[in-house]
Amino acid sequence: MGEAQTLAIIAGGVGGSVGAFVGVAVGGTPLGVTLTTLVVAVVVGAAVITSAVIAGDVEFFASADGE
């Protein structure tokens, strides 16, 4: 597994965990919890990926084989 795939898995895990926590903490209707969870998960996941790229830990290259 390459760096990009590993980072995507980590970002998804962190984003999903934080999103679920915030969604449940905010409460409300099931739809509201779901939407809050989704939005927070995407934002946190993107922030994890962005910070890793800015720090130079991961380099993304566009190639057909995903390497």
Protein backbone atom coordinates (compact mmCIF):
# COMPACT_ATOMS: atom_id res chain seq x y z
CA MET A 1 0.00 0.00 0.00
CA GLY A 2 1.38 3.40 -0.96
CA GLU A 3 1.65 6.52 1.15
CA ALA A 4 -1.41 8.08 -0.45
CA GLN A 5 -3.62 5.08 0.31
CA THR A 6 -2.36 4.86 3.88
CA LEU A 7 -3.01 8.56 4.42
CA ALA A 8 -6.50 8.26 2.95
CA ILE A 9 -7.34 5.44 5.37
CA ILE A 10 -5.98 7.40 8.35
CA ALA A 11 -7.82 10.57 7.27
CA GLY A 12 -11.04 8.61 6.82
CA GLY A 13 -10.72 7.04 10.25
CA VAL A 14 -9.92 10.29 12.03
CA GLY A 15 -12.58 12.22 10.11
CA GLY A 16 -15.22 9.58 10.72
CA SER A 17 -14.47 9.35 14.43
CA VAL A 18 -14.52 13.09 15.00
CA GLY A 19 -17.57 13.48 12.77
CA ALA A 20 -19.51 10.81 14.67
CA PHE A 21 -18.59 12.38 18.02
CA VAL A 22 -19.69 15.85 16.92
CA GLY A 23 -22.84 14.53 15.26
CA VAL A 24 -23.95 12.73 18.40
CA ALA A 25 -22.93 15.63 20.65
CA VAL A 26 -24.98 18.11 18.60
CA GLY A 27 -27.96 15.75 18.62
CA GLY A 28 -31.30 16.60 17.11
CA THR A 29 -33.07 14.66 14.40
CA PRO A 30 -31.45 11.56 12.92
CA LEU A 31 -31.07 13.43 9.62
CA GLY A 32 -29.36 16.34 11.38
CA VAL A 33 -26.95 14.00 13.16
CA THR A 34 -26.15 12.25 9.88
CA LEU A 35 -25.52 15.48 7.99
CA THR A 36 -23.42 16.97 10.80
CA THR A 37 -21.38 13.77 11.00
CA LEU A 38 -20.82 13.74 7.22
CA VAL A 39 -19.78 17.40 7.00
CA VAL A 40 -17.41 17.22 9.97
CA ALA A 41 -15.90 13.95 8.73
CA VAL A 42 -15.16 15.44 5.30
CA VAL A 43 -13.69 18.64 6.74
CA VAL A 44 -11.49 16.84 9.26
CA GLY A 45 -10.38 14.22 6.71
CA ALA A 46 -9.46 16.94 4.22
CA ALA A 47 -7.56 18.83 6.92
CA VAL A 48 -5.53 15.73 7.81
CA ILE A 49 -4.59 15.18 4.16
CA THR A 50 -3.84 18.87 3.58
CA SER A 51 -1.61 19.13 6.64
CA ALA A 52 0.36 16.04 5.60
CA VAL A 53 0.87 17.40 2.09
CA ILE A 54 1.92 20.83 3.39
CA ALA A 55 4.33 19.20 5.83
CA GLY A 56 5.83 17.30 2.91
CA ASP A 57 5.11 13.88 4.42
CA VAL A 58 3.21 12.70 1.34
CA GLU A 59 3.65 13.47 -2.32
CA PHE A 60 0.76 12.92 -4.69
CA PHE A 61 1.45 11.99 -8.30
CA ALA A 62 -1.18 11.41 -10.97
CA SER A 63 -0.49 8.11 -12.65
CA ALA A 64 -2.54 5.30 -14.13
CA ASP A 65 -1.42 2.71 -11.60
CA GLY A 66 -1.96 4.94 -8.53
CA GLU A 67 1.69 4.89 -7.51
